Protein backbone atom coordinates (compact mmCIF):
# COMPACT_ATOMS: atom_id res chain seq x y z
CA MET A 1 -59.10 38.01 -68.70
CA PRO A 2 -57.85 34.76 -67.11
CA GLU A 3 -56.08 35.16 -63.79
CA LEU A 4 -53.03 33.46 -62.28
CA LEU A 5 -51.89 33.75 -58.67
CA ILE A 6 -48.30 32.88 -57.75
CA LEU A 7 -47.21 32.25 -54.17
CA ASN A 8 -43.48 32.89 -54.01
CA SER A 9 -40.74 33.25 -51.42
CA THR A 10 -38.51 35.33 -53.71
CA GLN A 11 -39.44 37.32 -56.80
CA SER A 12 -36.60 35.84 -58.87
CA LYS A 13 -38.00 32.30 -58.65
CA SER A 14 -41.26 33.20 -60.35
CA GLU A 15 -40.15 35.83 -62.89
CA ALA A 16 -40.06 33.38 -65.82
CA ILE A 17 -43.56 32.13 -64.93
CA GLU A 18 -44.90 35.69 -64.71
CA ARG A 19 -43.51 36.57 -68.14
CA LEU A 20 -44.90 33.40 -69.68
CA ALA A 21 -48.37 33.91 -68.19
CA GLN A 22 -48.50 37.53 -69.33
CA GLU A 23 -47.53 36.45 -72.85
CA LYS A 24 -50.49 34.03 -72.72
CA GLY A 25 -52.84 36.90 -71.84
CA TYR A 26 -53.12 36.30 -68.09
CA ARG A 27 -53.48 38.86 -65.35
CA VAL A 28 -50.80 37.84 -62.83
CA LYS A 29 -50.81 38.48 -59.08
CA THR A 30 -47.98 37.47 -56.76
CA CYS A 31 -47.85 37.24 -52.97
CA SER A 32 -45.43 35.85 -50.40
CA LEU A 33 -47.79 34.94 -47.56
CA VAL A 34 -50.15 31.96 -47.48
CA GLU A 35 -52.81 34.05 -45.73
CA ASP A 36 -52.74 36.56 -48.59
CA ALA A 37 -52.97 33.76 -51.15
CA LEU A 38 -56.04 32.34 -49.40
CA SER A 39 -57.65 35.78 -49.41
CA TRP A 40 -57.07 36.16 -53.16
CA VAL A 41 -58.44 32.70 -53.84
CA ASP A 42 -61.55 33.60 -51.87
CA LEU A 43 -62.00 36.90 -53.72
CA ARG A 44 -61.32 35.82 -57.29
CA LYS A 45 -62.22 32.93 -59.57
CA LEU A 46 -58.68 32.02 -60.57
CA HIS A 47 -57.73 29.95 -63.60
CA ALA A 48 -54.48 28.83 -61.98
CA LEU A 49 -52.61 28.93 -58.67
CA LEU A 50 -48.91 28.10 -58.49
CA VAL A 51 -46.97 27.53 -55.27
CA PRO A 52 -43.34 26.53 -54.60
CA PHE A 53 -42.65 22.81 -54.75
CA ASP A 54 -41.35 22.79 -51.17
CA THR A 55 -44.61 24.20 -49.74
CA LYS A 56 -45.82 22.08 -46.82
CA ILE A 57 -48.36 19.45 -47.88
CA GLU A 58 -50.93 20.75 -45.37
CA THR A 59 -50.69 24.20 -46.96
CA GLN A 60 -50.92 22.74 -50.46
CA LEU A 61 -54.12 20.89 -49.58
CA LYS A 62 -55.65 23.97 -47.96
CA LEU A 63 -54.92 26.18 -50.96
CA ALA A 64 -56.03 23.55 -53.49
CA ASP A 65 -59.29 22.95 -51.63
CA ALA A 66 -60.08 26.68 -51.57
CA LEU A 67 -59.18 27.01 -55.26
CA TRP A 68 -61.32 24.12 -56.47
CA ARG A 69 -64.32 25.23 -54.43
CA LYS A 70 -64.36 28.42 -56.51
CA ASN A 71 -63.29 26.91 -59.84
CA PRO A 72 -63.18 23.08 -60.17
CA SER A 73 -61.27 23.27 -63.45
CA ALA A 74 -58.49 25.54 -62.15
CA ILE A 75 -54.87 24.41 -62.36
CA PHE A 76 -53.12 23.92 -59.03
CA GLY A 77 -49.40 23.63 -59.68
CA LEU A 78 -46.12 23.17 -57.84
CA TYR A 79 -43.13 24.89 -59.43
CA THR A 80 -39.39 24.54 -59.01
CA LEU A 81 -36.32 25.50 -61.01
CA GLU A 82 -34.77 22.11 -60.28
CA GLU A 83 -35.50 18.66 -61.64
CA ILE A 84 -37.31 16.39 -59.18
CA SER A 85 -37.54 12.64 -58.63
CA THR A 86 -40.23 10.33 -59.95
CA ASP A 87 -41.41 9.60 -56.39
CA GLU A 88 -41.86 13.31 -55.73
CA LYS A 89 -43.84 13.71 -58.94
CA ASN A 90 -46.05 10.74 -58.05
CA ALA A 91 -46.76 12.11 -54.58
CA ALA A 92 -47.85 15.44 -56.04
CA ARG A 93 -49.98 13.69 -58.65
CA LEU A 94 -51.95 11.90 -55.94
CA SER A 95 -52.82 15.25 -54.37
CA GLY A 96 -54.17 16.56 -57.68
CA ALA A 97 -51.31 18.95 -58.39
CA GLU A 98 -49.50 19.56 -61.65
CA ILE A 99 -45.69 19.65 -61.50
CA PHE A 100 -43.66 22.29 -63.34
CA SER A 101 -39.92 21.72 -62.98
CA GLY A 102 -37.08 23.11 -65.08
CA ASP A 103 -37.39 24.20 -68.70
CA ALA A 104 -39.63 21.27 -69.64
CA GLY A 105 -42.03 22.24 -66.86
CA LEU A 106 -42.19 25.80 -68.16
CA ASN A 107 -43.13 24.54 -71.62
CA HIS A 108 -45.79 22.27 -70.11
CA LEU A 109 -47.18 25.20 -68.10
CA GLY A 110 -47.44 27.30 -71.25
CA ILE A 111 -49.55 24.65 -72.96
CA LEU A 112 -51.86 24.26 -69.96
CA LEU A 113 -52.30 28.02 -69.53
CA THR A 114 -53.36 28.35 -73.16
CA THR A 115 -55.83 25.47 -72.86
CA SER A 116 -57.19 26.67 -69.52
CA ALA A 117 -57.80 30.21 -70.77
CA ASN A 118 -60.09 28.87 -73.50
CA ALA A 119 -61.75 26.09 -71.50
CA LYS A 120 -65.38 26.30 -70.45
CA LEU A 121 -66.74 24.75 -67.27
CA HIS A 122 -68.89 21.71 -68.05
CA LYS A 123 -71.97 20.71 -66.07
CA MET A 124 -70.94 17.19 -65.21
CA SER A 125 -73.23 14.18 -65.38
CA ILE A 126 -71.84 11.52 -63.04
CA MET A 127 -72.62 7.81 -62.90
CA VAL A 128 -72.07 6.16 -59.50
CA VAL A 129 -71.68 2.37 -59.67
CA GLU A 130 -72.05 0.65 -56.28
CA ASP A 131 -73.78 -2.68 -55.60
CA LEU A 132 -74.90 -1.75 -52.06
CA GLU A 133 -77.98 0.47 -52.09
CA SER A 134 -77.36 2.53 -48.95
CA PRO A 135 -73.75 3.54 -49.77
CA ARG A 136 -74.80 4.24 -53.36
CA ASP A 137 -77.60 6.58 -52.29
CA ILE A 138 -75.36 8.34 -49.77
CA ILE A 139 -72.58 8.94 -52.29
CA CYS A 140 -75.04 10.20 -54.92
CA ALA A 141 -76.58 12.65 -52.46
CA TYR A 142 -73.14 13.73 -51.23
CA VAL A 143 -71.87 14.49 -54.74
CA GLU A 144 -75.04 16.37 -55.69
CA GLY A 145 -74.65 18.53 -52.58
CA LEU A 146 -71.16 19.65 -53.60
CA GLY A 147 -72.06 21.50 -56.76
CA ASP A 148 -73.98 21.63 -60.02
CA TYR A 149 -73.78 17.90 -60.73
CA VAL A 150 -76.33 15.52 -62.21
CA VAL A 151 -75.83 12.14 -60.52
CA GLU A 152 -77.31 8.74 -61.36
CA GLY A 153 -76.66 5.51 -59.47
CA LYS A 154 -76.27 2.01 -60.90
CA ALA A 155 -76.39 -1.22 -58.88
CA SER A 156 -73.83 -3.16 -60.92
CA ALA A 157 -71.15 -2.80 -63.55
CA LYS A 158 -73.32 -4.88 -65.88
CA GLU A 159 -76.19 -2.39 -65.56
CA ALA A 160 -73.77 0.50 -65.99
CA MET A 161 -72.27 -1.02 -69.14
CA GLN A 162 -75.71 -1.49 -70.69
CA THR A 163 -76.58 2.15 -70.01
CA LEU A 164 -73.27 3.32 -71.48
CA GLU A 165 -73.83 1.21 -74.59
CA ASP A 166 -77.31 2.70 -75.05
CA GLU A 167 -76.28 6.29 -74.23
CA PRO A 168 -72.49 6.66 -74.58
CA GLU A 169 -72.61 10.47 -74.50
CA LYS A 170 -74.88 10.83 -71.46
CA PHE A 171 -72.20 10.77 -68.74
CA SER A 172 -69.06 12.84 -68.38
CA CYS A 173 -67.62 11.01 -65.35
CA ILE A 174 -67.81 7.53 -63.81
CA MET A 175 -67.42 6.79 -60.09
CA THR A 176 -67.22 3.06 -59.37
CA ASP A 177 -66.69 0.67 -56.50
CA ILE A 178 -63.87 -1.86 -56.86
CA ARG A 179 -65.40 -4.92 -55.24
CA MET A 180 -68.65 -5.89 -56.95
CA PRO A 181 -70.21 -9.25 -57.93
CA GLU A 182 -70.05 -10.56 -61.52
CA ILE A 183 -67.98 -7.71 -62.99
CA ASP A 184 -65.57 -5.93 -60.64
CA GLY A 185 -64.12 -2.44 -60.88
CA LYS A 186 -60.96 -3.55 -62.66
CA GLU A 187 -62.92 -5.26 -65.45
CA PHE A 188 -65.27 -2.28 -65.70
CA ILE A 189 -62.39 0.16 -66.14
CA ASN A 190 -60.83 -2.11 -68.75
CA TYR A 191 -64.13 -2.06 -70.66
CA ILE A 192 -64.25 1.76 -70.57
CA ARG A 193 -60.63 2.25 -71.66
CA LYS A 194 -61.08 -0.11 -74.61
CA HIS A 195 -64.40 1.38 -75.76
CA PRO A 196 -63.85 3.97 -78.53
CA SER A 197 -66.79 6.11 -77.37
CA LEU A 198 -65.92 5.96 -73.66
CA LEU A 199 -62.12 5.79 -73.31
CA HIS A 200 -61.87 9.56 -72.70
CA LEU A 201 -64.07 9.46 -69.58
CA PRO A 202 -62.59 10.12 -66.14
CA VAL A 203 -63.09 7.12 -63.84
CA ILE A 204 -62.89 7.61 -60.07
CA VAL A 205 -62.44 4.42 -58.05
CA LEU A 206 -64.19 3.94 -54.70
CA THR A 207 -62.14 1.68 -52.49
CA ALA A 208 -61.56 0.61 -48.90
CA TYR A 209 -58.39 0.49 -46.87
CA GLY A 210 -56.73 -2.89 -47.15
CA THR A 211 -57.22 -3.21 -50.92
CA MET A 212 -53.93 -1.86 -52.27
CA ASP A 213 -53.28 -4.66 -54.77
CA THR A 214 -56.72 -4.23 -56.28
CA LEU A 215 -56.35 -0.44 -56.31
CA VAL A 216 -52.99 -0.65 -58.09
CA ASP A 217 -54.57 -3.01 -60.63
CA CYS A 218 -57.32 -0.44 -61.27
CA LEU A 219 -54.73 2.30 -61.76
CA LYS A 220 -52.93 0.05 -64.24
CA GLU A 221 -56.20 -0.38 -66.14
CA GLY A 222 -56.56 3.40 -66.40
CA ALA A 223 -58.36 4.86 -63.36
CA THR A 224 -58.26 8.65 -63.15
CA GLY A 225 -58.24 8.84 -59.35
CA PHE A 226 -59.48 7.11 -56.24
CA LEU A 227 -61.39 7.73 -53.02
CA ALA A 228 -61.29 5.76 -49.77
CA LYS A 229 -64.78 4.95 -48.46
CA PRO A 230 -66.45 6.77 -46.89
CA PRO A 231 -65.03 9.67 -48.91
CA LYS A 232 -64.00 12.86 -47.14
CA LYS A 233 -65.26 16.13 -48.56
CA ILE A 234 -61.78 17.51 -49.34
CA ASP A 235 -60.85 14.29 -51.19
CA LEU A 236 -64.10 14.23 -53.13
CA LEU A 237 -63.63 17.85 -54.22
CA ARG A 238 -60.08 17.04 -55.35
CA GLU A 239 -61.17 14.09 -57.50
CA LEU A 240 -64.17 15.91 -58.99
CA ALA A 241 -61.86 18.82 -59.85
CA ARG A 242 -59.43 16.39 -61.47
CA ALA A 243 -62.31 14.87 -63.46
CA GLN A 244 -63.43 18.33 -64.60
CA ARG A 245 -59.92 19.03 -65.90
CA VAL A 246 -59.97 15.72 -67.78
CA VAL A 247 -63.29 16.66 -69.40
CA GLN A 248 -61.78 19.99 -70.49
CA GLY A 249 -58.66 18.41 -71.91
CA LEU A 250 -56.40 19.78 -69.18
CA ALA A 251 -55.43 16.39 -67.75
CA SER A 252 -55.11 12.77 -68.84
CA PRO A 253 -57.95 10.35 -68.01
CA ARG A 254 -55.23 8.00 -66.68
CA LEU A 255 -53.69 8.94 -63.35
CA ALA A 256 -50.65 6.78 -64.08
CA THR A 257 -49.09 4.52 -66.67
CA HIS A 258 -48.78 0.79 -65.95
CA GLU A 259 -45.23 1.29 -64.65
CA GLU A 260 -46.09 4.41 -62.64
CA ALA A 261 -49.02 2.63 -60.97
CA GLU A 262 -46.67 -0.06 -59.67
CA ALA A 263 -44.32 2.64 -58.38
CA LEU A 264 -47.18 4.19 -56.37
CA ARG A 265 -47.34 1.24 -53.95
CA ASN A 266 -45.14 2.80 -51.27
CA LEU A 267 -47.01 6.09 -51.43
CA LEU A 268 -50.34 4.29 -51.12
CA ALA A 269 -49.03 2.34 -48.15
CA ASP A 270 -48.13 5.63 -46.45
CA LYS A 271 -51.76 6.68 -46.94
CA GLY A 272 -53.06 3.57 -45.17
CA PHE A 273 -53.64 1.21 -48.09
CA TYR A 274 -52.00 -2.19 -47.66
């Protein structure tokens, strides 16, 4: 039976979610303390964890990290009875969270719970595209050390594109640098999103601080997520978890629409990109 954990401050705020999850065949556990939630996450392989929208970001990241270490495809969601702003939704999206606000959010949650209950964890085959040999080898080894991943490095987007043309079903996720000779990350993402056999693939962008314009361009082209180099473990786990949810049909391969990507500039600046 799939399991859902709800962190709540008052029982009344989560009653509708509990009823919905039970109707979908979930075993539901609620708790009011973060420490208790962390203990449950450690004990069980949860399909979903929902916390109040106003939970401190540090607590959100801690809970999400613990959740995705146990189950990379699990849903981490923020819930609220009120409607929230676009900026607030974008900020949560960057952290890998799903947003469930108001009646529309409840309907969206119902769809995701149904899909998640039937989803199977995929062994992911990841292509890492980086023109510099040492960083490429380090990232490949780092990703392999985080879980049951098959990782293969490519020295250029051109080489990667040839491999994808020859074996379009071999890889379930692409991780690519932005700045590369001949064909850069933006062009590579554009190729993937326009290819009928590849457009569903999650694409994680590897970038450096000081490249916000290029990063926003990559998001406009359809990137699924991004990592600042050298990637931190918690960030890498978040993006791999997001990619796993894309593979299972629980999330879109595009982190943002063209308009939403432009709106992310201020949030990216707050994170050190400029």
